Protein backbone atom coordinates (compact mmCIF):
# COMPACT_ATOMS: atom_id res chain seq x y z
CA MET A 1 84.20 47.50 49.46
CA ASN A 2 80.71 47.70 50.94
CA LYS A 3 79.00 50.66 52.57
CA LEU A 4 78.18 49.92 56.21
CA CYS A 5 76.60 53.20 57.31
CA ARG A 6 76.58 56.99 57.15
CA SER A 7 77.46 58.84 60.33
CA THR A 8 76.20 62.15 61.66
CA ASP A 9 79.71 63.58 62.07
CA ALA A 10 83.40 62.75 61.74
CA ILE A 11 83.91 62.15 65.47
CA GLU A 12 81.19 59.52 65.63
CA ALA A 13 82.47 57.95 62.41
CA GLN A 14 86.00 57.66 63.80
CA GLY A 15 84.65 56.07 66.98
CA ILE A 16 82.83 53.47 64.90
CA ILE A 17 85.94 52.79 62.82
CA ASP A 18 88.09 52.41 65.94
CA PHE A 19 85.56 49.96 67.40
CA LEU A 20 85.38 47.92 64.19
CA GLU A 21 89.16 47.82 63.78
CA ALA A 22 89.55 46.72 67.41
CA ASN A 23 87.36 43.77 66.38
CA ASN A 24 89.53 42.99 63.34
CA ILE A 25 87.18 44.50 60.74
CA GLU A 26 89.11 46.40 58.08
CA CYS A 27 87.21 49.54 57.10
CA GLN A 28 87.66 53.01 55.68
CA LEU A 29 86.19 56.44 56.22
CA MET A 30 84.79 58.01 53.07
CA ASN A 31 83.25 61.45 52.38
CA ASN A 32 84.94 62.90 55.46
CA PHE A 33 85.32 66.33 53.87
CA LEU A 34 82.12 66.37 51.83
CA SER A 35 80.38 68.67 54.32
CA GLY A 36 82.10 71.56 52.52
CA ALA A 37 79.76 70.93 49.60
CA LEU A 38 76.69 71.38 51.78
CA GLY A 39 74.23 73.54 49.89
CA ASP A 40 75.37 72.28 46.50
CA ILE A 41 74.29 68.75 47.37
CA PRO A 42 71.64 67.61 49.88
CA PHE A 43 72.71 67.50 53.54
CA THR A 44 71.65 63.84 53.68
CA ASP A 45 74.48 63.02 51.27
CA THR A 46 77.27 64.92 53.01
CA GLY A 47 77.85 62.80 56.14
CA PRO A 48 80.96 60.67 56.54
CA GLU A 49 80.50 57.04 55.51
CA ILE A 50 82.07 53.87 56.88
CA TRP A 51 82.88 51.26 54.28
CA VAL A 52 83.94 47.68 55.08
CA SER A 53 86.83 46.43 52.97
CA ASN A 54 85.93 42.73 52.86
CA GLU A 55 82.43 41.67 51.87
CA THR A 56 82.74 38.60 54.10
CA ASP A 57 83.07 40.90 57.16
CA LEU A 58 79.91 42.90 56.39
CA ILE A 59 77.48 40.79 58.47
CA LEU A 60 79.79 40.83 61.49
CA ALA A 61 80.36 44.56 61.01
CA LYS A 62 76.59 45.18 61.10
CA GLN A 63 76.31 43.18 64.32
CA LEU A 64 79.20 45.09 65.84
CA LEU A 65 77.67 48.40 64.73
CA HIS A 66 74.47 47.48 66.57
CA GLN A 67 76.53 46.56 69.64
CA TYR A 68 78.43 49.87 69.40
CA PHE A 69 75.22 51.92 69.43
CA GLN A 70 73.73 49.86 72.26
CA THR A 71 76.89 50.51 74.31
CA GLN A 72 76.74 54.23 73.52
CA LYS A 73 73.09 54.35 74.57
CA LEU A 74 73.87 52.59 77.88
CA ASN A 75 76.77 54.96 78.52
CA GLU A 76 74.46 57.95 78.02
CA ILE A 77 71.93 56.48 80.45
CA ASN A 78 74.57 55.63 83.05
CA GLN A 79 76.10 59.12 82.92
CA ASP A 80 72.97 60.42 84.61
CA LYS A 81 73.08 57.86 87.42
CA THR A 82 74.86 58.35 90.73
CA ARG A 83 75.57 56.30 93.83
CA LEU A 84 76.48 57.06 97.39
CA CYS A 85 79.85 56.22 98.88
CA PRO A 86 79.27 53.78 101.78
CA HIS A 87 82.18 55.39 103.69
CA CYS A 88 81.49 59.14 103.50
CA GLN A 89 77.98 59.28 101.96
CA GLU A 90 79.21 61.53 99.12
CA THR A 91 77.44 61.31 95.75
CA ASN A 92 79.57 59.87 92.93
CA PRO A 93 78.92 59.22 89.23
CA ALA A 94 77.89 55.60 88.66
CA HIS A 95 81.03 54.80 86.64
CA PHE A 96 83.44 55.80 89.47
CA ALA A 97 85.14 52.87 91.21
CA THR A 98 86.73 55.15 93.81
CA CYS A 99 84.99 57.92 95.72
CA TRP A 100 86.15 61.32 94.60
CA SER A 101 85.86 62.66 98.14
CA CYS A 102 87.39 60.04 100.48
CA GLN A 103 89.35 58.09 97.81
CA LYS A 104 88.03 54.73 99.08
CA ASP A 105 86.69 51.99 96.83
CA ILE A 106 82.95 52.16 96.30
């Protein structure tokens, strides 16, 4: 097993694992409950870690991890964007395919 990364929290770590497993990378979550030792050990050592089971998958896993964070960054940017419905002129979040007001395709 090879350490891929340390996450900031368990939710982010599980998202990364789900993404990797969806791309056929076998991995495991380690140190998930180590935050309980915070104070006895440095906080930089208590975050959950993602470990890749097969060494041959490590390079692909690193590339996928980069892709995962790029996608997350784009999602955060796009959450702030809006667009107008051409039918009723109502403002909709950019990720909506159907207007929330008139229910027509945007």
